[in-house]
């Protein structure tokens, strides 16, 4: 995920998006959605989804941004519960 952060900081949102997508697709979707398992790095996955949503937002791809923000919220709820603020 660090490479994605570098691209994001450089405002290279296209490469940042590719990096975050590779990470989140392999980790988040396979472990949490399909197997209903909370991996040890779930918070990092939530952060990656948030960065990915930020990339989509910066690229003005708002529907994709909303989708990934929603997925990030799901990860954070899985980590902290629904009542955590």
Protein backbone atom coordinates (compact mmCIF):
# COMPACT_ATOMS: atom_id res chain seq x y z
CA UNK A 1 0.00 0.00 0.00
CA UNK A 2 2.96 2.36 0.55
CA UNK A 3 3.54 2.65 -3.19
CA UNK A 4 -0.04 3.78 -3.63
CA UNK A 5 0.49 6.43 -0.96
CA UNK A 6 3.55 7.75 -2.82
CA UNK A 7 1.57 8.03 -6.05
CA UNK A 8 -1.28 9.68 -4.17
CA UNK A 9 1.04 12.24 -2.54
CA UNK A 10 2.49 12.99 -5.99
CA UNK A 11 -1.10 13.54 -7.19
CA UNK A 12 -0.65 10.69 -9.68
CA UNK A 13 -4.16 9.43 -9.02
CA UNK A 14 -4.25 6.99 -11.94
CA UNK A 15 -1.26 4.97 -10.66
CA UNK A 16 -2.39 5.32 -7.06
CA UNK A 17 -5.78 3.93 -8.06
CA UNK A 18 -4.18 0.93 -9.78
CA UNK A 19 -2.02 0.19 -6.74
CA UNK A 20 -4.89 0.44 -4.25
CA UNK A 21 -7.16 -1.64 -6.48
CA UNK A 22 -4.63 -4.48 -6.61
CA UNK A 23 -4.29 -4.44 -2.83
CA UNK A 24 -7.95 -4.12 -1.94
CA UNK A 25 -9.22 -6.62 -4.50
CA UNK A 26 -6.86 -9.37 -3.35
CA UNK A 27 -7.22 -8.75 0.38
CA UNK A 28 -10.58 -7.20 1.24
CA UNK A 29 -12.91 -8.93 -1.16
CA UNK A 30 -11.49 -12.43 -0.84
CA UNK A 31 -11.10 -12.49 2.93
CA UNK A 32 -13.95 -10.42 4.31
CA UNK A 33 -16.73 -10.78 1.76
CA UNK A 34 -16.26 -14.37 0.56
CA UNK A 35 -14.87 -16.02 3.71
CA UNK A 36 -16.32 -13.69 6.35
CA UNK A 37 -12.92 -13.49 8.04
CA UNK A 38 -11.43 -10.34 9.53
CA UNK A 39 -7.74 -10.32 8.56
CA UNK A 40 -5.07 -8.95 10.90
CA UNK A 41 -4.46 -5.99 8.58
CA UNK A 42 -8.15 -5.07 8.23
CA UNK A 43 -7.56 -1.47 9.31
CA UNK A 44 -4.91 -1.09 6.63
CA UNK A 45 -7.38 -2.47 4.09
CA UNK A 46 -9.95 0.10 5.25
CA UNK A 47 -7.38 2.83 4.83
CA UNK A 48 -6.51 1.55 1.33
CA UNK A 49 -10.19 1.62 0.38
CA UNK A 50 -10.41 5.18 1.67
CA UNK A 51 -7.35 6.21 -0.37
CA UNK A 52 -8.84 4.47 -3.39
CA UNK A 53 -12.10 6.37 -2.89
CA UNK A 54 -10.09 9.59 -2.62
CA UNK A 55 -8.41 8.78 -5.95
CA UNK A 56 -11.76 8.25 -7.64
CA UNK A 57 -13.02 11.50 -6.12
CA UNK A 58 -9.95 13.39 -7.38
CA UNK A 59 -10.53 11.89 -10.84
CA UNK A 60 -14.18 13.03 -10.62
CA UNK A 61 -15.40 9.42 -10.76
CA UNK A 62 -17.90 10.05 -8.00
CA UNK A 63 -19.99 6.86 -8.20
CA UNK A 64 -16.86 4.73 -7.80
CA UNK A 65 -15.70 6.99 -4.96
CA UNK A 66 -18.97 6.46 -3.10
CA UNK A 67 -18.78 2.69 -3.63
CA UNK A 68 -15.29 2.50 -2.13
CA UNK A 69 -16.11 4.84 0.75
CA UNK A 70 -19.01 2.50 1.57
CA UNK A 71 -16.68 -0.51 1.47
CA UNK A 72 -14.22 1.28 3.76
CA UNK A 73 -17.05 1.94 6.21
CA UNK A 74 -17.89 -1.78 6.16
CA UNK A 75 -14.30 -2.64 7.06
CA UNK A 76 -14.17 -0.11 9.88
CA UNK A 77 -17.52 -1.35 11.23
CA UNK A 78 -16.20 -4.91 11.15
CA UNK A 79 -13.19 -3.76 13.18
CA UNK A 80 -14.89 -1.43 15.64
CA UNK A 81 -18.57 -2.37 15.59
CA UNK A 82 -21.55 -0.29 14.49
CA UNK A 83 -21.62 1.95 17.58
CA UNK A 84 -18.05 3.22 17.33
CA UNK A 85 -17.67 6.94 16.52
